[in-house]
PDB file of N, CA and C in Angstrom:
ATOM      1  N   UNK A   1     -11.926 -38.363 -23.061  1.00  0.00           N
ATOM      2  CA  UNK A   1     -10.904 -37.374 -21.672  1.00  0.00           C
ATOM      3  C   UNK A   1     -10.348 -36.378 -21.638  1.00  0.00           C
ATOM      4  N   UNK A   2      -9.978 -35.702 -20.857  1.00  0.00           N
ATOM      5  CA  UNK A   2      -9.194 -34.096 -21.413  1.00  0.00           C
ATOM      6  C   UNK A   2      -7.413 -34.708 -20.861  1.00  0.00           C
ATOM      7  N   UNK A   3      -7.083 -33.913 -22.130  1.00  0.00           N
ATOM      8  CA  UNK A   3      -5.317 -34.744 -22.673  1.00  0.00           C
ATOM      9  C   UNK A   3      -4.886 -33.452 -21.195  1.00  0.00           C
ATOM     10  N   UNK A   4      -3.661 -34.795 -20.708  1.00  0.00           N
ATOM     11  CA  UNK A   4      -2.907 -34.401 -19.457  1.00  0.00           C
ATOM     12  C   UNK A   4      -2.831 -32.856 -20.020  1.00  0.00           C
ATOM     13  N   UNK A   5      -2.448 -32.494 -21.109  1.00  0.00           N
ATOM     14  CA  UNK A   5      -1.356 -31.769 -21.317  1.00  0.00           C
ATOM     15  C   UNK A   5      -2.110 -30.115 -21.189  1.00  0.00           C
ATOM     16  N   UNK A   6      -3.422 -30.094 -21.096  1.00  0.00           N
ATOM     17  CA  UNK A   6      -4.241 -29.376 -20.875  1.00  0.00           C
ATOM     18  C   UNK A   6      -4.942 -29.072 -19.142  1.00  0.00           C
ATOM     19  N   UNK A   7      -4.497 -30.590 -18.390  1.00  0.00           N
ATOM     20  CA  UNK A   7      -4.998 -30.518 -17.115  1.00  0.00           C
ATOM     21  C   UNK A   7      -3.976 -30.205 -16.623  1.00  0.00           C
ATOM     22  N   UNK A   8      -2.664 -30.029 -17.372  1.00  0.00           N
ATOM     23  CA  UNK A   8      -1.039 -28.976 -16.546  1.00  0.00           C
ATOM     24  C   UNK A   8      -1.191 -27.736 -16.715  1.00  0.00           C
ATOM     25  N   UNK A   9      -1.978 -27.582 -17.841  1.00  0.00           N
ATOM     26  CA  UNK A   9      -1.754 -26.032 -17.854  1.00  0.00           C
ATOM     27  C   UNK A   9      -2.516 -25.672 -17.375  1.00  0.00           C
ATOM     28  N   UNK A  10      -4.075 -25.789 -17.107  1.00  0.00           N
ATOM     29  CA  UNK A  10      -4.910 -25.501 -16.247  1.00  0.00           C
ATOM     30  C   UNK A  10      -4.828 -25.080 -14.876  1.00  0.00           C
ATOM     31  N   UNK A  11      -3.920 -26.245 -14.363  1.00  0.00           N
ATOM     32  CA  UNK A  11      -3.483 -26.395 -12.720  1.00  0.00           C
ATOM     33  C   UNK A  11      -3.016 -25.310 -12.655  1.00  0.00           C
ATOM     34  N   UNK A  12      -2.019 -25.349 -13.230  1.00  0.00           N
ATOM     35  CA  UNK A  12      -0.820 -24.226 -13.443  1.00  0.00           C
ATOM     36  C   UNK A  12      -0.977 -22.548 -13.589  1.00  0.00           C
ATOM     37  N   UNK A  13      -2.106 -22.412 -14.351  1.00  0.00           N
ATOM     38  CA  UNK A  13      -2.697 -21.184 -14.564  1.00  0.00           C
ATOM     39  C   UNK A  13      -3.401 -20.991 -13.058  1.00  0.00           C
ATOM     40  N   UNK A  14      -4.126 -21.185 -12.791  1.00  0.00           N
ATOM     41  CA  UNK A  14      -5.050 -21.572 -11.606  1.00  0.00           C
ATOM     42  C   UNK A  14      -4.134 -21.516 -10.475  1.00  0.00           C
ATOM     43  N   UNK A  15      -3.110 -22.161 -10.432  1.00  0.00           N
ATOM     44  CA  UNK A  15      -2.243 -21.912  -8.788  1.00  0.00           C
ATOM     45  C   UNK A  15      -1.713 -20.592  -9.317  1.00  0.00           C
ATOM     46  N   UNK A  16      -0.786 -19.717 -10.133  1.00  0.00           N
ATOM     47  CA  UNK A  16      -0.661 -18.563 -10.153  1.00  0.00           C
ATOM     48  C   UNK A  16      -1.495 -17.828 -10.455  1.00  0.00           C
ATOM     49  N   UNK A  17      -3.016 -17.666 -11.052  1.00  0.00           N
ATOM     50  CA  UNK A  17      -3.830 -16.915 -10.407  1.00  0.00           C
ATOM     51  C   UNK A  17      -4.514 -16.359  -9.426  1.00  0.00           C
ATOM     52  N   UNK A  18      -3.954 -17.729  -8.164  1.00  0.00           N
ATOM     53  CA  UNK A  18      -4.178 -17.547  -6.489  1.00  0.00           C
ATOM     54  C   UNK A  18      -3.207 -17.075  -6.164  1.00  0.00           C
ATOM     55  N   UNK A  19      -1.928 -17.448  -6.316  1.00  0.00           N
ATOM     56  CA  UNK A  19      -1.034 -16.962  -5.788  1.00  0.00           C
ATOM     57  C   UNK A  19      -1.000 -15.192  -6.106  1.00  0.00           C
ATOM     58  N   UNK A  20      -1.386 -14.293  -7.413  1.00  0.00           N
ATOM     59  CA  UNK A  20      -1.430 -13.349  -7.671  1.00  0.00           C
ATOM     60  C   UNK A  20      -2.404 -12.549  -6.642  1.00  0.00           C
ATOM     61  N   UNK A  21      -3.694 -13.317  -6.200  1.00  0.00           N
ATOM     62  CA  UNK A  21      -5.034 -12.769  -5.734  1.00  0.00           C
ATOM     63  C   UNK A  21      -4.440 -12.561  -4.662  1.00  0.00           C
ATOM     64  N   UNK A  22      -4.073 -13.723  -3.819  1.00  0.00           N
ATOM     65  CA  UNK A  22      -3.275 -13.504  -2.518  1.00  0.00           C
ATOM     66  C   UNK A  22      -2.261 -12.353  -2.077  1.00  0.00           C
ATOM     67  N   UNK A  23      -1.214 -12.374  -3.010  1.00  0.00           N
ATOM     68  CA  UNK A  23      -0.437 -11.155  -3.180  1.00  0.00           C
ATOM     69  C   UNK A  23      -0.882  -9.916  -2.854  1.00  0.00           C
ATOM     70  N   UNK A  24      -2.029  -9.187  -3.995  1.00  0.00           N
ATOM     71  CA  UNK A  24      -2.759  -8.487  -3.619  1.00  0.00           C
ATOM     72  C   UNK A  24      -3.451  -8.226  -2.550  1.00  0.00           C
ATOM     73  N   UNK A  25      -4.278  -9.373  -1.989  1.00  0.00           N
ATOM     74  CA  UNK A  25      -5.238  -8.736  -1.113  1.00  0.00           C
ATOM     75  C   UNK A  25      -4.936  -8.778   0.352  1.00  0.00           C
ATOM     76  N   UNK A  26      -3.360  -9.498   0.936  1.00  0.00           N
ATOM     77  CA  UNK A  26      -2.827  -9.827   1.859  1.00  0.00           C
ATOM     78  C   UNK A  26      -1.623  -8.889   2.138  1.00  0.00           C
ATOM     79  N   UNK A  27      -1.399  -8.134   1.634  1.00  0.00           N
ATOM     80  CA  UNK A  27      -0.549  -7.222   1.464  1.00  0.00           C
ATOM     81  C   UNK A  27      -0.104  -6.521   2.979  1.00  0.00           C
ATOM     82  N   UNK A  28       1.078  -6.197   3.403  1.00  0.00           N
ATOM     83  CA  UNK A  28       0.999  -5.374   4.937  1.00  0.00           C
ATOM     84  C   UNK A  28       0.338  -4.460   5.049  1.00  0.00           C
ATOM     85  N   UNK A  29      -0.250  -3.747   5.826  1.00  0.00           N
ATOM     86  CA  UNK A  29      -0.308  -2.508   6.634  1.00  0.00           C
ATOM     87  C   UNK A  29       0.533  -1.291   5.872  1.00  0.00           C
ATOM     88  N   UNK A  30       1.716  -1.650   5.565  1.00  0.00           N
ATOM     89  CA  UNK A  30       2.322  -0.548   5.798  1.00  0.00           C
ATOM     90  C   UNK A  30       1.867   0.150   4.670  1.00  0.00           C
ATOM     91  N   UNK A  31       1.012   0.183   3.636  1.00  0.00           N
ATOM     92  CA  UNK A  31       0.259   0.896   2.448  1.00  0.00           C
ATOM     93  C   UNK A  31      -0.062   2.043   3.178  1.00  0.00           C
ATOM     94  N   UNK A  32      -0.740   1.907   4.197  1.00  0.00           N
ATOM     95  CA  UNK A  32      -1.662   2.758   4.767  1.00  0.00           C
ATOM     96  C   UNK A  32      -1.469   3.768   5.202  1.00  0.00           C
ATOM     97  N   UNK A  33       0.166   3.451   5.934  1.00  0.00           N
ATOM     98  CA  UNK A  33       0.700   4.560   7.170  1.00  0.00           C
ATOM     99  C   UNK A  33       1.435   5.125   5.894  1.00  0.00           C
ATOM    100  N   UNK A  34       1.598   4.930   4.573  1.00  0.00           N
ATOM    101  CA  UNK A  34       2.419   5.434   3.768  1.00  0.00           C
ATOM    102  C   UNK A  34       1.776   6.994   2.968  1.00  0.00           C
ATOM    103  N   UNK A  35       0.233   5.986   3.004  1.00  0.00           N
ATOM    104  CA  UNK A  35      -0.977   7.099   2.340  1.00  0.00           C
ATOM    105  C   UNK A  35      -0.745   8.626   3.235  1.00  0.00           C
ATOM    106  N   UNK A  36      -1.185   8.291   4.307  1.00  0.00           N
ATOM    107  CA  UNK A  36      -1.262   9.141   5.572  1.00  0.00           C
ATOM    108  C   UNK A  36      -0.018  10.003   6.122  1.00  0.00           C
ATOM    109  N   UNK A  37       1.265   9.588   5.686  1.00  0.00           N
ATOM    110  CA  UNK A  37       2.216  10.511   5.257  1.00  0.00           C
ATOM    111  C   UNK A  37       2.367  11.367   4.166  1.00  0.00           C
ATOM    112  N   UNK A  38       1.820  10.969   2.895  1.00  0.00           N
ATOM    113  CA  UNK A  38       1.582  11.489   2.150  1.00  0.00           C
ATOM    114  C   UNK A  38       0.877  12.960   1.985  1.00  0.00           C
ATOM    115  N   UNK A  39      -0.683  12.538   2.610  1.00  0.00           N
ATOM    116  CA  UNK A  39      -2.114  13.137   3.107  1.00  0.00           C
ATOM    117  C   UNK A  39      -1.429  14.033   3.761  1.00  0.00           C
ATOM    118  N   UNK A  40      -0.468  13.849   4.618  1.00  0.00           N
ATOM    119  CA  UNK A  40       0.027  15.252   5.469  1.00  0.00           C
ATOM    120  C   UNK A  40       0.857  15.758   5.067  1.00  0.00           C
ATOM    121  N   UNK A  41       2.241  14.904   4.225  1.00  0.00           N
ATOM    122  CA  UNK A  41       2.993  16.394   3.486  1.00  0.00           C
ATOM    123  C   UNK A  41       1.570  17.024   2.855  1.00  0.00           C
ATOM    124  N   UNK A  42       0.942  16.533   1.780  1.00  0.00           N
ATOM    125  CA  UNK A  42       0.110  17.522   1.036  1.00  0.00           C
ATOM    126  C   UNK A  42      -0.968  18.603   1.291  1.00  0.00           C
ATOM    127  N   UNK A  43      -1.343  18.260   2.734  1.00  0.00           N
ATOM    128  CA  UNK A  43      -1.727  19.370   3.566  1.00  0.00           C
ATOM    129  C   UNK A  43      -0.782  20.288   3.797  1.00  0.00           C
ATOM    130  N   UNK A  44       0.173  20.001   4.545  1.00  0.00           N
ATOM    131  CA  UNK A  44       0.668  21.088   5.533  1.00  0.00           C
ATOM    132  C   UNK A  44       2.152  21.961   3.802  1.00  0.00           C
ATOM    133  N   UNK A  45       1.765  21.234   2.580  1.00  0.00           N
ATOM    134  CA  UNK A  45       2.350  22.070   1.617  1.00  0.00           C
ATOM    135  C   UNK A  45       1.387  23.087   0.626  1.00  0.00           C
ATOM    136  N   UNK A  46      -0.143  22.553   1.040  1.00  0.00           N
ATOM    137  CA  UNK A  46      -1.003  23.319   0.857  1.00  0.00           C
ATOM    138  C   UNK A  46      -1.517  24.032   1.658  1.00  0.00           C
ATOM    139  N   UNK A  47      -1.194  24.396   2.987  1.00  0.00           N
ATOM    140  CA  UNK A  47      -0.716  25.473   4.114  1.00  0.00           C
ATOM    141  C   UNK A  47      -2.899  25.710   4.474  1.00  0.00           C
ATOM    142  N   UNK A  48      -3.367  24.067   4.513  1.00  0.00           N
ATOM    143  CA  UNK A  48      -4.135  23.539   5.115  1.00  0.00           C
ATOM    144  C   UNK A  48      -4.214  23.386   6.402  1.00  0.00           C
ATOM    145  N   UNK A  49      -5.076  23.004   6.804  1.00  0.00           N
ATOM    146  CA  UNK A  49      -5.098  22.457   8.621  1.00  0.00           C
ATOM    147  C   UNK A  49      -5.254  20.949   8.251  1.00  0.00           C
ATOM    148  N   UNK A  50      -4.301  20.746   9.275  1.00  0.00           N
ATOM    149  CA  UNK A  50      -3.616  18.870   9.060  1.00  0.00           C
ATOM    150  C   UNK A  50      -5.091  18.479  10.383  1.00  0.00           C
ATOM    151  N   UNK A  51      -5.700  17.244  10.425  1.00  0.00           N
ATOM    152  CA  UNK A  51      -6.160  16.947  11.355  1.00  0.00           C
ATOM    153  C   UNK A  51      -5.137  16.588  12.441  1.00  0.00           C
ATOM    154  N   UNK A  52      -5.789  16.213  13.297  1.00  0.00           N
ATOM    155  CA  UNK A  52      -4.976  15.267  14.915  1.00  0.00           C
ATOM    156  C   UNK A  52      -4.455  13.970  15.145  1.00  0.00           C
ATOM    157  N   UNK A  53      -4.844  13.072  14.180  1.00  0.00           N
ATOM    158  CA  UNK A  53      -4.684  11.578  13.365  1.00  0.00           C
ATOM    159  C   UNK A  53      -3.147  12.226  13.117  1.00  0.00           C
ATOM    160  N   UNK A  54      -3.313  12.880  11.832  1.00  0.00           N
ATOM    161  CA  UNK A  54      -2.152  13.028  11.176  1.00  0.00           C
ATOM    162  C   UNK A  54      -1.078  13.801  11.808  1.00  0.00           C
ATOM    163  N   UNK A  55      -1.294  14.416  12.596  1.00  0.00           N
ATOM    164  CA  UNK A  55      -0.184  15.544  13.026  1.00  0.00           C
ATOM    165  C   UNK A  55       0.472  14.295  14.122  1.00  0.00           C
ATOM    166  N   UNK A  56      -0.028  13.345  14.676  1.00  0.00           N
ATOM    167  CA  UNK A  56       1.374  12.317  15.479  1.00  0.00           C
ATOM    168  C   UNK A  56       1.473  11.666  14.671  1.00  0.00           C
ATOM    169  N   UNK A  57       1.752  11.522  13.428  1.00  0.00           N
ATOM    170  CA  UNK A  57       2.655  10.581  12.615  1.00  0.00           C
ATOM    171  C   UNK A  57       3.895  10.912  12.927  1.00  0.00           C
ATOM    172  N   UNK A  58       4.832   9.974  13.426  1.00  0.00           N
ATOM    173  CA  UNK A  58       6.190  10.396  13.462  1.00  0.00           C
ATOM    174  C   UNK A  58       7.024  10.593  12.075  1.00  0.00           C
ATOM    175  N   UNK A  59       6.868  11.105  11.161  1.00  0.00           N
ATOM    176  CA  UNK A  59       7.630  12.073  10.055  1.00  0.00           C
ATOM    177  C   UNK A  59       8.102  13.161  10.369  1.00  0.00           C
ATOM    178  N   UNK A  60       9.463  13.485  10.934  1.00  0.00           N
ATOM    179  CA  UNK A  60      10.171  15.008  11.869  1.00  0.00           C
ATOM    180  C   UNK A  60      10.713  15.263  10.586  1.00  0.00           C
ATOM    181  N   UNK A  61      11.183  14.537   9.839  1.00  0.00           N
ATOM    182  CA  UNK A  61      12.205  14.470   8.634  1.00  0.00           C
ATOM    183  C   UNK A  61      11.210  15.681   7.749  1.00  0.00           C
ATOM    184  N   UNK A  62      10.062  15.934   7.675  1.00  0.00           N
ATOM    185  CA  UNK A  62       9.650  17.363   7.084  1.00  0.00           C
ATOM    186  C   UNK A  62       8.725  18.152   7.306  1.00  0.00           C
ATOM    187  N   UNK A  63       9.538  17.916   9.094  1.00  0.00           N
ATOM    188  CA  UNK A  63       8.232  19.334   9.460  1.00  0.00           C
ATOM    189  C   UNK A  63       8.909  20.477   9.601  1.00  0.00           C
ATOM    190  N   UNK A  64       8.356  21.673   8.958  1.00  0.00           N
ATOM    191  CA  UNK A  64       8.875  22.637   8.663  1.00  0.00           C
ATOM    192  C   UNK A  64       9.862  23.601   9.578  1.00  0.00           C
ATOM    193  N   UNK A  65       8.692  23.011  10.870  1.00  0.00           N
ATOM    194  CA  UNK A  65       9.564  23.930  12.266  1.00  0.00           C
ATOM    195  C   UNK A  65      10.707  23.588  12.238  1.00  0.00           C
ATOM    196  N   UNK A  66      10.905  22.336  12.794  1.00  0.00           N
ATOM    197  CA  UNK A  66      12.047  21.833  13.024  1.00  0.00           C
ATOM    198  C   UNK A  66      13.340  21.982  12.058  1.00  0.00           C
ATOM    199  N   UNK A  67      13.090  22.221  10.486  1.00  0.00           N
ATOM    200  CA  UNK A  67      13.490  22.633   9.719  1.00  0.00           C
ATOM    201  C   UNK A  67      14.246  23.917   9.971  1.00  0.00           C
ATOM    202  N   UNK A  68      13.959  24.865  10.697  1.00  0.00           N
ATOM    203  CA  UNK A  68      14.205  26.226  11.051  1.00  0.00           C
ATOM    204  C   UNK A  68      15.488  26.094  12.396  1.00  0.00           C
TER     205      UNK A  68
END
């Protein structure tokens, strides 16, 4: 029979791995919005054309027209 210490260690490791997996895969969608804002700022900084989807983001603090 398997020693109880090994069984408890395995269950603890399995539980922690499951929590880590759930944390990584079910985070909120804020990351996607942050990536879009970063892309918009990068394209504006390089004086490239910004797609319409990125123009509608509400990031007015970095809008160069409003700062002037």
